[in-house]
PDB file of N, CA and C in Angstrom:
ATOM      1  N   MET A   1       1.035  -1.164   0.050  1.00  0.00           N
ATOM      2  CA  MET A   1      -0.060  -0.062   0.166  1.00  0.00           C
ATOM      3  C   MET A   1       0.864   1.256  -0.034  1.00  0.00           C
ATOM      4  N   ASP A   2       0.549   2.269  -1.155  1.00  0.00           N
ATOM      5  CA  ASP A   2       1.455   3.296  -1.076  1.00  0.00           C
ATOM      6  C   ASP A   2       1.083   4.219   0.177  1.00  0.00           C
ATOM      7  N   TRP A   3       1.928   5.120   0.097  1.00  0.00           N
ATOM      8  CA  TRP A   3       1.512   6.431   1.582  1.00  0.00           C
ATOM      9  C   TRP A   3       0.611   6.942   1.659  1.00  0.00           C
ATOM     10  N   LEU A   4       0.071   7.249   0.190  1.00  0.00           N
ATOM     11  CA  LEU A   4      -1.214   7.854   0.423  1.00  0.00           C
ATOM     12  C   LEU A   4      -2.218   7.187   0.681  1.00  0.00           C
ATOM     13  N   ASP A   5      -2.630   5.857   0.597  1.00  0.00           N
ATOM     14  CA  ASP A   5      -3.281   5.145   0.504  1.00  0.00           C
ATOM     15  C   ASP A   5      -3.206   5.032   2.130  1.00  0.00           C
ATOM     16  N   ARG A   6      -2.300   4.773   2.853  1.00  0.00           N
ATOM     17  CA  ARG A   6      -2.089   4.688   4.291  1.00  0.00           C
ATOM     18  C   ARG A   6      -2.974   5.861   5.114  1.00  0.00           C
ATOM     19  N   VAL A   7      -2.420   7.513   4.305  1.00  0.00           N
ATOM     20  CA  VAL A   7      -2.827   8.461   5.223  1.00  0.00           C
ATOM     21  C   VAL A   7      -4.121   8.040   5.168  1.00  0.00           C
ATOM     22  N   LEU A   8      -4.767   8.254   3.359  1.00  0.00           N
ATOM     23  CA  LEU A   8      -6.366   7.926   3.790  1.00  0.00           C
ATOM     24  C   LEU A   8      -7.085   7.322   4.543  1.00  0.00           C
ATOM     25  N   LEU A   9      -6.234   5.840   4.549  1.00  0.00           N
ATOM     26  CA  LEU A   9      -6.846   4.900   5.654  1.00  0.00           C
ATOM     27  C   LEU A   9      -6.895   5.523   7.290  1.00  0.00           C
ATOM     28  N   GLY A  10      -6.085   5.984   7.259  1.00  0.00           N
ATOM     29  CA  GLY A  10      -5.510   6.618   8.381  1.00  0.00           C
ATOM     30  C   GLY A  10      -7.208   7.776   9.007  1.00  0.00           C
ATOM     31  N   GLN A  11      -6.630   8.605   8.054  1.00  0.00           N
ATOM     32  CA  GLN A  11      -7.885   9.685   7.950  1.00  0.00           C
ATOM     33  C   GLN A  11      -9.470   9.310   8.502  1.00  0.00           C
ATOM     34  N   LEU A  12      -9.437   8.068   7.659  1.00  0.00           N
ATOM     35  CA  LEU A  12     -11.108   7.063   7.729  1.00  0.00           C
ATOM     36  C   LEU A  12     -11.234   6.598   9.245  1.00  0.00           C
ATOM     37  N   ALA A  13     -10.049   6.333   9.459  1.00  0.00           N
ATOM     38  CA  ALA A  13      -9.764   5.407  10.631  1.00  0.00           C
ATOM     39  C   ALA A  13     -10.405   6.399  12.270  1.00  0.00           C
ATOM     40  N   LEU A  14      -9.723   7.440  11.980  1.00  0.00           N
ATOM     41  CA  LEU A  14      -9.838   8.492  12.877  1.00  0.00           C
ATOM     42  C   LEU A  14     -11.137   8.938  12.772  1.00  0.00           C
ATOM     43  N   LYS A  15     -12.071   9.109  11.942  1.00  0.00           N
ATOM     44  CA  LYS A  15     -13.210   9.611  11.423  1.00  0.00           C
ATOM     45  C   LYS A  15     -14.437   8.896  12.056  1.00  0.00           C
ATOM     46  N   ILE A  16     -14.043   7.354  11.703  1.00  0.00           N
ATOM     47  CA  ILE A  16     -15.018   6.409  12.076  1.00  0.00           C
ATOM     48  C   ILE A  16     -14.837   6.326  13.798  1.00  0.00           C
ATOM     49  N   ALA A  17     -13.803   6.708  14.372  1.00  0.00           N
ATOM     50  CA  ALA A  17     -13.574   6.306  15.682  1.00  0.00           C
ATOM     51  C   ALA A  17     -13.583   7.605  16.357  1.00  0.00           C
ATOM     52  N   LYS A  18     -13.819   8.336  15.558  1.00  0.00           N
ATOM     53  CA  LYS A  18     -14.054   9.715  16.449  1.00  0.00           C
ATOM     54  C   LYS A  18     -14.705   9.738  17.707  1.00  0.00           C
ATOM     55  N   ARG A  19     -15.799   8.991  17.880  1.00  0.00           N
ATOM     56  CA  ARG A  19     -16.537   9.200  19.308  1.00  0.00           C
ATOM     57  C   ARG A  19     -15.866   8.115  20.472  1.00  0.00           C
ATOM     58  N   GLU A  20     -15.221   7.140  20.074  1.00  0.00           N
ATOM     59  CA  GLU A  20     -14.440   6.171  20.866  1.00  0.00           C
ATOM     60  C   GLU A  20     -13.120   6.600  21.524  1.00  0.00           C
ATOM     61  N   LEU A  21     -12.489   7.486  20.411  1.00  0.00           N
ATOM     62  CA  LEU A  21     -11.354   8.181  20.711  1.00  0.00           C
ATOM     63  C   LEU A  21     -11.745   9.626  21.760  1.00  0.00           C
ATOM     64  N   LYS A  22     -12.574  10.414  21.394  1.00  0.00           N
ATOM     65  CA  LYS A  22     -13.407  11.194  22.490  1.00  0.00           C
ATOM     66  C   LYS A  22     -13.702  10.934  23.716  1.00  0.00           C
ATOM     67  N   ASP A  23     -13.922   9.995  23.593  1.00  0.00           N
ATOM     68  CA  ASP A  23     -14.371   9.210  25.300  1.00  0.00           C
ATOM     69  C   ASP A  23     -13.823   8.857  25.743  1.00  0.00           C
ATOM     70  N   ALA A  24     -11.955   8.290  25.000  1.00  0.00           N
ATOM     71  CA  ALA A  24     -10.906   8.478  25.877  1.00  0.00           C
ATOM     72  C   ALA A  24      -9.860   9.102  26.006  1.00  0.00           C
ATOM     73  N   GLY A  25     -10.583  10.330  25.879  1.00  0.00           N
ATOM     74  CA  GLY A  25      -9.419  11.217  26.349  1.00  0.00           C
ATOM     75  C   GLY A  25      -8.521  11.786  24.902  1.00  0.00           C
ATOM     76  N   ILE A  26      -8.508  11.334  23.845  1.00  0.00           N
ATOM     77  CA  ILE A  26      -7.854  11.330  23.043  1.00  0.00           C
ATOM     78  C   ILE A  26      -8.240  12.119  21.649  1.00  0.00           C
ATOM     79  N   ALA A  27      -7.775  13.311  21.278  1.00  0.00           N
ATOM     80  CA  ALA A  27      -8.556  14.180  20.201  1.00  0.00           C
ATOM     81  C   ALA A  27      -7.324  14.205  19.005  1.00  0.00           C
ATOM     82  N   VAL A  28      -7.737  14.025  18.437  1.00  0.00           N
ATOM     83  CA  VAL A  28      -6.646  14.263  16.778  1.00  0.00           C
ATOM     84  C   VAL A  28      -7.445  14.831  15.755  1.00  0.00           C
ATOM     85  N   ARG A  29      -6.813  15.741  15.172  1.00  0.00           N
ATOM     86  CA  ARG A  29      -6.965  16.459  14.022  1.00  0.00           C
ATOM     87  C   ARG A  29      -6.716  15.982  12.575  1.00  0.00           C
ATOM     88  N   GLN A  30      -7.718  15.929  11.770  1.00  0.00           N
ATOM     89  CA  GLN A  30      -7.104  15.901  10.215  1.00  0.00           C
ATOM     90  C   GLN A  30      -5.945  16.129  10.545  1.00  0.00           C
ATOM     91  N   SER A  31      -5.275  17.397   9.962  1.00  0.00           N
ATOM     92  CA  SER A  31      -4.572  17.636   9.913  1.00  0.00           C
ATOM     93  C   SER A  31      -2.694  17.512  10.470  1.00  0.00           C
ATOM     94  N   ASP A  32      -3.175  16.439  11.898  1.00  0.00           N
ATOM     95  CA  ASP A  32      -2.003  16.085  12.720  1.00  0.00           C
ATOM     96  C   ASP A  32      -2.093  14.607  12.138  1.00  0.00           C
ATOM     97  N   VAL A  33      -2.710  14.289  11.080  1.00  0.00           N
ATOM     98  CA  VAL A  33      -2.747  12.477  10.996  1.00  0.00           C
ATOM     99  C   VAL A  33      -0.916  12.415  10.564  1.00  0.00           C
ATOM    100  N   GLN A  34      -0.915  13.125   9.724  1.00  0.00           N
ATOM    101  CA  GLN A  34       1.139  12.491   9.260  1.00  0.00           C
ATOM    102  C   GLN A  34       1.708  12.755  10.297  1.00  0.00           C
ATOM    103  N   ALA A  35       2.033  13.363  11.331  1.00  0.00           N
ATOM    104  CA  ALA A  35       2.449  12.840  12.698  1.00  0.00           C
ATOM    105  C   ALA A  35       2.289  11.343  13.090  1.00  0.00           C
ATOM    106  N   LEU A  36       1.093  11.014  12.898  1.00  0.00           N
ATOM    107  CA  LEU A  36       0.962   9.769  13.489  1.00  0.00           C
ATOM    108  C   LEU A  36       1.853   8.809  12.688  1.00  0.00           C
ATOM    109  N   PHE A  37       2.794   8.958  11.871  1.00  0.00           N
ATOM    110  CA  PHE A  37       3.734   7.973  10.686  1.00  0.00           C
ATOM    111  C   PHE A  37       5.088   8.569  10.876  1.00  0.00           C
ATOM    112  N   THR A  38       5.834   7.587  10.596  1.00  0.00           N
ATOM    113  CA  THR A  38       7.378   8.073  10.206  1.00  0.00           C
ATOM    114  C   THR A  38       7.431   8.119   8.969  1.00  0.00           C
ATOM    115  N   GLY A  39       9.069   8.988   8.363  1.00  0.00           N
ATOM    116  CA  GLY A  39       8.956   8.759   7.485  1.00  0.00           C
ATOM    117  C   GLY A  39       8.849   7.602   6.374  1.00  0.00           C
ATOM    118  N   GLU A  40       8.868   6.556   6.795  1.00  0.00           N
ATOM    119  CA  GLU A  40       8.668   5.661   5.747  1.00  0.00           C
ATOM    120  C   GLU A  40       7.314   4.927   5.932  1.00  0.00           C
ATOM    121  N   MET A  41       6.318   5.979   6.718  1.00  0.00           N
ATOM    122  CA  MET A  41       4.852   5.633   6.821  1.00  0.00           C
ATOM    123  C   MET A  41       4.633   4.085   7.111  1.00  0.00           C
ATOM    124  N   THR A  42       5.102   4.079   8.652  1.00  0.00           N
ATOM    125  CA  THR A  42       4.997   3.189   9.343  1.00  0.00           C
ATOM    126  C   THR A  42       4.591   4.123  10.965  1.00  0.00           C
ATOM    127  N   LEU A  43       3.557   3.522  11.712  1.00  0.00           N
ATOM    128  CA  LEU A  43       3.213   3.621  13.015  1.00  0.00           C
ATOM    129  C   LEU A  43       4.458   4.519  13.654  1.00  0.00           C
ATOM    130  N   ASN A  44       4.163   5.985  14.046  1.00  0.00           N
ATOM    131  CA  ASN A  44       5.638   6.502  14.815  1.00  0.00           C
ATOM    132  C   ASN A  44       4.577   6.101  16.179  1.00  0.00           C
ATOM    133  N   HIS A  45       5.270   5.531  16.738  1.00  0.00           N
ATOM    134  CA  HIS A  45       5.560   4.602  18.124  1.00  0.00           C
ATOM    135  C   HIS A  45       5.996   5.526  19.414  1.00  0.00           C
ATOM    136  N   ALA A  46       6.606   6.507  18.816  1.00  0.00           N
ATOM    137  CA  ALA A  46       7.114   7.791  19.675  1.00  0.00           C
ATOM    138  C   ALA A  46       5.950   8.583  19.922  1.00  0.00           C
ATOM    139  N   SER A  47       5.170   8.603  19.361  1.00  0.00           N
ATOM    140  CA  SER A  47       3.882   9.570  19.375  1.00  0.00           C
ATOM    141  C   SER A  47       2.681   9.561  20.525  1.00  0.00           C
ATOM    142  N   THR A  48       2.583  10.089  21.346  1.00  0.00           N
ATOM    143  CA  THR A  48       1.513   9.914  22.389  1.00  0.00           C
ATOM    144  C   THR A  48       0.457   9.305  22.084  1.00  0.00           C
ATOM    145  N   VAL A  49      -0.249   9.716  21.087  1.00  0.00           N
ATOM    146  CA  VAL A  49      -1.472   9.538  20.293  1.00  0.00           C
ATOM    147  C   VAL A  49      -1.483   8.291  20.044  1.00  0.00           C
ATOM    148  N   VAL A  50      -0.414   7.652  19.648  1.00  0.00           N
ATOM    149  CA  VAL A  50      -0.031   6.159  18.905  1.00  0.00           C
ATOM    150  C   VAL A  50      -0.352   5.816  19.345  1.00  0.00           C
ATOM    151  N   GLN A  51       0.558   5.588  21.078  1.00  0.00           N
ATOM    152  CA  GLN A  51       0.852   5.340  22.328  1.00  0.00           C
ATOM    153  C   GLN A  51      -0.824   4.795  23.001  1.00  0.00           C
ATOM    154  N   LYS A  52      -1.535   5.863  23.249  1.00  0.00           N
ATOM    155  CA  LYS A  52      -2.940   5.562  23.757  1.00  0.00           C
ATOM    156  C   LYS A  52      -3.687   4.939  23.044  1.00  0.00           C
ATOM    157  N   MET A  53      -3.661   4.685  21.434  1.00  0.00           N
ATOM    158  CA  MET A  53      -4.743   4.189  20.298  1.00  0.00           C
ATOM    159  C   MET A  53      -4.166   2.826  20.794  1.00  0.00           C
ATOM    160  N   MET A  54      -2.744   2.439  20.306  1.00  0.00           N
ATOM    161  CA  MET A  54      -2.595   1.140  20.619  1.00  0.00           C
ATOM    162  C   MET A  54      -3.164   0.760  22.120  1.00  0.00           C
ATOM    163  N   LYS A  55      -2.772   1.186  23.180  1.00  0.00           N
ATOM    164  CA  LYS A  55      -3.055   0.567  24.774  1.00  0.00           C
ATOM    165  C   LYS A  55      -4.686   0.416  24.645  1.00  0.00           C
ATOM    166  N   LEU A  56      -5.639   1.100  23.778  1.00  0.00           N
ATOM    167  CA  LEU A  56      -7.159   1.275  23.903  1.00  0.00           C
ATOM    168  C   LEU A  56      -7.258   0.044  23.134  1.00  0.00           C
ATOM    169  N   CYS A  57      -6.652  -0.339  22.219  1.00  0.00           N
ATOM    170  CA  CYS A  57      -6.765  -1.405  21.181  1.00  0.00           C
ATOM    171  C   CYS A  57      -6.277  -2.795  22.138  1.00  0.00           C
ATOM    172  N   LYS A  58      -5.064  -2.829  22.611  1.00  0.00           N
ATOM    173  CA  LYS A  58      -4.998  -3.762  23.454  1.00  0.00           C
ATOM    174  C   LYS A  58      -5.787  -4.251  24.279  1.00  0.00           C
ATOM    175  N   GLU A  59      -6.041  -3.393  25.522  1.00  0.00           N
ATOM    176  CA  GLU A  59      -7.236  -3.420  25.861  1.00  0.00           C
ATOM    177  C   GLU A  59      -8.619  -4.124  25.866  1.00  0.00           C
ATOM    178  N   SER A  60      -9.196  -3.438  24.606  1.00  0.00           N
ATOM    179  CA  SER A  60     -10.590  -4.111  23.876  1.00  0.00           C
ATOM    180  C   SER A  60     -10.254  -5.238  23.555  1.00  0.00           C
ATOM    181  N   LEU A  61      -9.080  -5.807  23.049  1.00  0.00           N
ATOM    182  CA  LEU A  61      -8.600  -7.618  22.823  1.00  0.00           C
ATOM    183  C   LEU A  61      -9.520  -8.252  23.683  1.00  0.00           C
TER     184      LEU A  61
END
């Protein structure tokens, strides 16, 4: 998947999960989506938003 598809997918995921993220205290603007990824377009695990999202995902499994 090329980088643009990944960004678009990330934007869609944020849009779909907006309510759940807000309830969990996570707020992300569409303009901040790029910061969620590294230069190689993988998840930026140094991002506190990515860390919170990963924690929520693990807790929901």
